[in-house]
Amino acid sequence: MMKKVVLKFGLISGAIIAALVWVIAALCDRDIISFDRAEIVGYASMLIALSMIFFGIKSYRDNYAGGKVTFWKGIQIGLLISLIAGFFYFASAMLHNIVNPDFDDNFAAKYKQSIVEKMTAQGATRDDIDKATAEVDHTIEMLQNPLIYFAVSMIEILPVCIIVTLISAGLLRRKELLPASA
């Protein structure tokens, strides 16, 4: 029962986040959104995809648990859905980079240019600017390792997963909240 709910809502969440990764990458690549906005849009897209945690816990509560679910069972369901969504997040980003092999280099160049512009406007020294752009190069180089890329992907999405899981489990342990229709 729980496995069915976790798989269903994990796959839905994963499909949503995978699609949004591609959309956001395309928007960045075409300079439709700035780097500052891309971060906000990225985390907003995670929230949209991870709303499936709420619906997954609710589905389990209403359809398999007799209308009530403990906080800890909600946490368990939410984190399992999160793991599936996190894997899709990583896999879709990796696939995007394989299909678009120039994306990383273009992204890094645009990102470094934005750093240079910001730091120059703030009056930074050339040394400081060179150090900042070298850090970007080092990060891009490290991300060529799929294990590091996976770890970074999980570090990005898991805090959002945990917050959504805690809120959803806390709210849905109350059977009065959005009770199942008879």
C-alpha atoms as a PDB file:
ATOM      1  CA  MET A   1       0.000   0.000   0.000  1.00  0.00           C
ATOM      2  CA  MET A   2       2.572   2.547   1.088  1.00  0.00           C
ATOM      3  CA  LYS A   3       4.932   1.393  -1.656  1.00  0.00           C
ATOM      4  CA  LYS A   4       2.227   2.027  -4.258  1.00  0.00           C
ATOM      5  CA  VAL A   5       1.561   5.552  -2.958  1.00  0.00           C
ATOM      6  CA  VAL A   6       5.267   6.392  -2.714  1.00  0.00           C
ATOM      7  CA  LEU A   7       5.971   5.102  -6.205  1.00  0.00           C
ATOM      8  CA  LYS A   8       2.981   6.865  -7.775  1.00  0.00           C
ATOM      9  CA  PHE A   9       3.587  10.268  -6.192  1.00  0.00           C
ATOM     10  CA  GLY A  10       7.376   9.964  -6.412  1.00  0.00           C
ATOM     11  CA  LEU A  11       7.140   9.355 -10.150  1.00  0.00           C
ATOM     12  CA  ILE A  12       4.709  12.239 -10.631  1.00  0.00           C
ATOM     13  CA  SER A  13       6.948  14.557  -8.610  1.00  0.00           C
ATOM     14  CA  GLY A  14      10.004  13.302 -10.468  1.00  0.00           C
ATOM     15  CA  ALA A  15       8.397  13.847 -13.870  1.00  0.00           C
ATOM     16  CA  ILE A  16       7.422  17.391 -12.926  1.00  0.00           C
ATOM     17  CA  ILE A  17      10.886  18.305 -11.630  1.00  0.00           C
ATOM     18  CA  ALA A  18      12.555  16.658 -14.639  1.00  0.00           C
ATOM     19  CA  ALA A  19      10.461  18.687 -17.065  1.00  0.00           C
ATOM     20  CA  LEU A  20      11.077  21.894 -15.139  1.00  0.00           C
ATOM     21  CA  VAL A  21      14.845  21.302 -15.107  1.00  0.00           C
ATOM     22  CA  TRP A  22      14.783  21.267 -18.906  1.00  0.00           C
ATOM     23  CA  VAL A  23      12.552  24.352 -19.097  1.00  0.00           C
ATOM     24  CA  ILE A  24      14.700  26.371 -16.698  1.00  0.00           C
ATOM     25  CA  ALA A  25      17.903  25.306 -18.457  1.00  0.00           C
ATOM     26  CA  ALA A  26      16.425  26.419 -21.788  1.00  0.00           C
ATOM     27  CA  LEU A  27      15.365  29.749 -20.300  1.00  0.00           C
ATOM     28  CA  CYS A  28      18.855  30.343 -18.898  1.00  0.00           C
ATOM     29  CA  ASP A  29      20.545  29.222 -22.092  1.00  0.00           C
ATOM     30  CA  ARG A  30      18.486  31.711 -24.109  1.00  0.00           C
ATOM     31  CA  ASP A  31      19.041  34.518 -21.577  1.00  0.00           C
ATOM     32  CA  ILE A  32      15.308  34.757 -20.907  1.00  0.00           C
ATOM     33  CA  ILE A  33      15.894  34.661 -17.153  1.00  0.00           C
ATOM     34  CA  SER A  34      18.925  35.948 -15.266  1.00  0.00           C
ATOM     35  CA  PHE A  35      21.052  33.874 -12.925  1.00  0.00           C
ATOM     36  CA  ASP A  36      19.505  35.585  -9.904  1.00  0.00           C
ATOM     37  CA  ARG A  37      16.014  34.785 -11.110  1.00  0.00           C
ATOM     38  CA  ALA A  38      16.976  31.269 -12.219  1.00  0.00           C
ATOM     39  CA  GLU A  39      17.744  30.351  -8.624  1.00  0.00           C
ATOM     40  CA  ILE A  40      14.366  31.623  -7.451  1.00  0.00           C
ATOM     41  CA  VAL A  41      12.559  29.942 -10.347  1.00  0.00           C
ATOM     42  CA  GLY A  42      14.490  26.739  -9.670  1.00  0.00           C
ATOM     43  CA  TYR A  43      13.468  26.553  -6.033  1.00  0.00           C
ATOM     44  CA  ALA A  44       9.890  27.504  -6.928  1.00  0.00           C
ATOM     45  CA  SER A  45       9.824  24.644  -9.433  1.00  0.00           C
ATOM     46  CA  MET A  46      11.042  22.297  -6.705  1.00  0.00           C
ATOM     47  CA  LEU A  47       8.162  23.423  -4.502  1.00  0.00           C
ATOM     48  CA  ILE A  48       5.686  22.788  -7.312  1.00  0.00           C
ATOM     49  CA  ALA A  49       7.043  19.299  -7.971  1.00  0.00           C
ATOM     50  CA  LEU A  50       7.386  18.461  -4.291  1.00  0.00           C
ATOM     51  CA  SER A  51       3.778  19.398  -3.579  1.00  0.00           C
ATOM     52  CA  MET A  52       3.226  15.757  -4.532  1.00  0.00           C
ATOM     53  CA  ILE A  53       4.576  14.894  -1.082  1.00  0.00           C
ATOM     54  CA  PHE A  54       1.491  16.512   0.451  1.00  0.00           C
ATOM     55  CA  PHE A  55      -0.824  14.692  -1.939  1.00  0.00           C
ATOM     56  CA  GLY A  56       1.007  11.407  -1.420  1.00  0.00           C
ATOM     57  CA  ILE A  57       0.682  11.566   2.360  1.00  0.00           C
ATOM     58  CA  LYS A  58      -2.972  12.589   2.007  1.00  0.00           C
ATOM     59  CA  SER A  59      -3.646   9.735  -0.412  1.00  0.00           C
ATOM     60  CA  TYR A  60      -2.102   7.233   1.987  1.00  0.00           C
ATOM     61  CA  ARG A  61      -4.022   8.680   4.933  1.00  0.00           C
ATOM     62  CA  ASP A  62      -7.373   8.715   3.131  1.00  0.00           C
ATOM     63  CA  ASN A  63      -7.152   5.520   1.095  1.00  0.00           C
ATOM     64  CA  TYR A  64      -5.066   3.114   3.164  1.00  0.00           C
ATOM     65  CA  ALA A  65      -4.801   4.343   6.756  1.00  0.00           C
ATOM     66  CA  GLY A  66      -8.452   4.807   7.676  1.00  0.00           C
ATOM     67  CA  GLY A  67      -8.343   8.599   7.558  1.00  0.00           C
ATOM     68  CA  LYS A  68      -5.442   9.122   9.943  1.00  0.00           C
ATOM     69  CA  VAL A  69      -1.699   9.047   9.614  1.00  0.00           C
ATOM     70  CA  THR A  70       0.938   9.570  12.269  1.00  0.00           C
ATOM     71  CA  PHE A  71       3.507  12.292  11.926  1.00  0.00           C
ATOM     72  CA  TRP A  72       6.309   9.731  11.599  1.00  0.00           C
ATOM     73  CA  LYS A  73       4.491   7.724   8.923  1.00  0.00           C
ATOM     74  CA  GLY A  74       3.976  10.998   7.023  1.00  0.00           C
ATOM     75  CA  ILE A  75       7.698  11.725   7.353  1.00  0.00           C
ATOM     76  CA  GLN A  76       8.517   8.264   6.038  1.00  0.00           C
ATOM     77  CA  ILE A  77       6.207   8.635   3.030  1.00  0.00           C
ATOM     78  CA  GLY A  78       7.422  12.151   2.302  1.00  0.00           C
ATOM     79  CA  LEU A  79      11.103  11.257   2.434  1.00  0.00           C
ATOM     80  CA  LEU A  80      10.625   8.243   0.182  1.00  0.00           C
ATOM     81  CA  ILE A  81       8.776  10.371  -2.367  1.00  0.00           C
ATOM     82  CA  SER A  82      11.617  12.895  -2.000  1.00  0.00           C
ATOM     83  CA  LEU A  83      14.259  10.299  -2.821  1.00  0.00           C
ATOM     84  CA  ILE A  84      12.511   9.426  -6.075  1.00  0.00           C
ATOM     85  CA  ALA A  85      12.066  13.103  -6.968  1.00  0.00           C
ATOM     86  CA  GLY A  86      15.713  13.804  -6.091  1.00  0.00           C
ATOM     87  CA  PHE A  87      16.920  11.011  -8.332  1.00  0.00           C
ATOM     88  CA  PHE A  88      14.815  12.376 -11.207  1.00  0.00           C
ATOM     89  CA  TYR A  89      16.227  15.847 -10.541  1.00  0.00           C
ATOM     90  CA  PHE A  90      19.764  14.526 -10.884  1.00  0.00           C
ATOM     91  CA  ALA A  91      19.008  12.240 -13.836  1.00  0.00           C
ATOM     92  CA  SER A  92      17.227  14.928 -15.827  1.00  0.00           C
ATOM     93  CA  ALA A  93      20.067  17.405 -15.292  1.00  0.00           C
ATOM     94  CA  MET A  94      22.620  14.775 -16.348  1.00  0.00           C
ATOM     95  CA  LEU A  95      20.564  13.849 -19.403  1.00  0.00           C
ATOM     96  CA  HIS A  96      20.195  17.518 -20.302  1.00  0.00           C
ATOM     97  CA  ASN A  97      23.968  17.928 -20.167  1.00  0.00           C
ATOM     98  CA  ILE A  98      24.474  14.841 -22.341  1.00  0.00           C
ATOM     99  CA  VAL A  99      21.946  16.001 -24.942  1.00  0.00           C
ATOM    100  CA  ASN A 100      23.313  19.571 -24.810  1.00  0.00           C
ATOM    101  CA  PRO A 101      27.076  19.088 -24.393  1.00  0.00           C
ATOM    102  CA  ASP A 102      27.866  22.803 -24.751  1.00  0.00           C
ATOM    103  CA  PHE A 103      25.433  23.837 -22.016  1.00  0.00           C
ATOM    104  CA  ASP A 104      27.906  23.621 -19.119  1.00  0.00           C
ATOM    105  CA  ASP A 105      30.574  25.636 -20.919  1.00  0.00           C
ATOM    106  CA  ASN A 106      28.072  28.270 -22.065  1.00  0.00           C
ATOM    107  CA  PHE A 107      26.494  28.438 -18.617  1.00  0.00           C
ATOM    108  CA  ALA A 108      29.891  28.784 -16.933  1.00  0.00           C
ATOM    109  CA  ALA A 109      30.958  31.536 -19.340  1.00  0.00           C
ATOM    110  CA  LYS A 110      27.729  33.491 -18.791  1.00  0.00           C
ATOM    111  CA  TYR A 111      27.932  32.957 -15.043  1.00  0.00           C
ATOM    112  CA  LYS A 112      31.541  34.145 -14.914  1.00  0.00           C
ATOM    113  CA  GLN A 113      30.597  37.187 -16.994  1.00  0.00           C
ATOM    114  CA  SER A 114      27.817  38.050 -14.545  1.00  0.00           C
ATOM    115  CA  ILE A 115      30.230  37.658 -11.615  1.00  0.00           C
ATOM    116  CA  VAL A 116      32.778  39.933 -13.307  1.00  0.00           C
ATOM    117  CA  GLU A 117      30.106  42.554 -14.003  1.00  0.00           C
ATOM    118  CA  LYS A 118      28.757  42.484 -10.441  1.00  0.00           C
ATOM    119  CA  MET A 119      32.189  42.532  -8.823  1.00  0.00           C
ATOM    120  CA  THR A 120      33.423  45.295 -11.128  1.00  0.00           C
ATOM    121  CA  ALA A 121      30.342  47.373 -10.294  1.00  0.00           C
ATOM    122  CA  GLN A 122      31.108  46.842  -6.587  1.00  0.00           C
ATOM    123  CA  GLY A 123      34.710  47.973  -7.084  1.00  0.00           C
ATOM    124  CA  ALA A 124      36.393  44.594  -6.543  1.00  0.00           C
ATOM    125  CA  THR A 125      40.058  44.197  -7.364  1.00  0.00           C
ATOM    126  CA  ARG A 126      41.210  42.200 -10.381  1.00  0.00           C
ATOM    127  CA  ASP A 127      42.697  39.624  -7.991  1.00  0.00           C
ATOM    128  CA  ASP A 128      39.337  39.097  -6.294  1.00  0.00           C
ATOM    129  CA  ILE A 129      37.594  38.795  -9.648  1.00  0.00           C
ATOM    130  CA  ASP A 130      40.170  36.273 -10.875  1.00  0.00           C
ATOM    131  CA  LYS A 131      39.745  34.209  -7.688  1.00  0.00           C
ATOM    132  CA  ALA A 132      35.962  34.184  -8.094  1.00  0.00           C
ATOM    133  CA  THR A 133      36.102  33.083 -11.725  1.00  0.00           C
ATOM    134  CA  ALA A 134      38.706  30.425 -10.859  1.00  0.00           C
ATOM    135  CA  GLU A 135      36.266  29.055  -8.256  1.00  0.00           C
ATOM    136  CA  VAL A 136      33.606  28.748 -10.949  1.00  0.00           C
ATOM    137  CA  ASP A 137      36.061  26.864 -13.179  1.00  0.00           C
ATOM    138  CA  HIS A 138      36.976  24.561 -10.288  1.00  0.00           C
ATOM    139  CA  THR A 139      33.312  23.890  -9.505  1.00  0.00           C
ATOM    140  CA  ILE A 140      32.501  23.082 -13.137  1.00  0.00           C
ATOM    141  CA  GLU A 141      35.491  20.735 -13.244  1.00  0.00           C
ATOM    142  CA  MET A 142      34.366  18.967 -10.057  1.00  0.00           C
ATOM    143  CA  LEU A 143      30.835  18.565 -11.412  1.00  0.00           C
ATOM    144  CA  GLN A 144      32.197  16.472 -14.283  1.00  0.00           C
ATOM    145  CA  ASN A 145      32.352  13.617 -11.761  1.00  0.00           C
ATOM    146  CA  PRO A 146      28.840  12.064 -11.690  1.00  0.00           C
ATOM    147  CA  LEU A 147      29.123  11.174  -7.991  1.00  0.00           C
ATOM    148  CA  ILE A 148      29.912  14.755  -7.053  1.00  0.00           C
ATOM    149  CA  TYR A 149      27.180  15.974  -9.404  1.00  0.00           C
ATOM    150  CA  PHE A 150      24.739  13.591  -7.691  1.00  0.00           C
ATOM    151  CA  ALA A 151      25.771  14.821  -4.236  1.00  0.00           C
ATOM    152  CA  VAL A 152      25.395  18.468  -5.266  1.00  0.00           C
ATOM    153  CA  SER A 153      21.995  17.743  -6.807  1.00  0.00           C
ATOM    154  CA  MET A 154      20.825  16.117  -3.577  1.00  0.00           C
ATOM    155  CA  ILE A 155      22.199  18.997  -1.500  1.00  0.00           C
ATOM    156  CA  GLU A 156      20.157  21.386  -3.645  1.00  0.00           C
ATOM    157  CA  ILE A 157      16.823  19.574  -3.505  1.00  0.00           C
ATOM    158  CA  LEU A 158      16.792  17.750  -0.153  1.00  0.00           C
ATOM    159  CA  PRO A 159      16.355  20.823   2.081  1.00  0.00           C
ATOM    160  CA  VAL A 160      13.206  21.684   0.124  1.00  0.00           C
ATOM    161  CA  CYS A 161      12.091  18.046   0.390  1.00  0.00           C
ATOM    162  CA  ILE A 162      12.585  18.043   4.143  1.00  0.00           C
ATOM    163  CA  ILE A 163      10.672  21.290   4.655  1.00  0.00           C
ATOM    164  CA  VAL A 164       7.760  20.160   2.479  1.00  0.00           C
ATOM    165  CA  THR A 165       7.727  16.762   4.209  1.00  0.00           C
ATOM    166  CA  LEU A 166       7.724  18.242   7.720  1.00  0.00           C
ATOM    167  CA  ILE A 167       4.934  20.697   6.898  1.00  0.00           C
ATOM    168  CA  SER A 168       2.851  18.085   5.067  1.00  0.00           C
ATOM    169  CA  ALA A 169       3.263  15.419   7.755  1.00  0.00           C
ATOM    170  CA  GLY A 170       2.470  17.941  10.468  1.00  0.00           C
ATOM    171  CA  LEU A 171      -0.664  19.190   8.761  1.00  0.00           C
ATOM    172  CA  LEU A 172      -2.004  15.849   7.560  1.00  0.00           C
ATOM    173  CA  ARG A 173      -1.706  14.080  10.904  1.00  0.00           C
ATOM    174  CA  ARG A 174      -4.819  16.069  11.741  1.00  0.00           C
ATOM    175  CA  LYS A 175      -7.678  14.070  10.255  1.00  0.00           C
ATOM    176  CA  GLU A 176      -9.863  17.188  10.238  1.00  0.00           C
ATOM    177  CA  LEU A 177      -7.637  18.767   7.580  1.00  0.00           C
ATOM    178  CA  LEU A 178      -9.078  17.998   4.172  1.00  0.00           C
ATOM    179  CA  PRO A 179     -10.858  14.802   5.238  1.00  0.00           C
ATOM    180  CA  ALA A 180     -11.568  12.148   2.642  1.00  0.00           C
ATOM    181  CA  SER A 181     -14.925  12.593   0.982  1.00  0.00           C
ATOM    182  CA  ALA A 182     -17.349   9.821   1.821  1.00  0.00           C
END
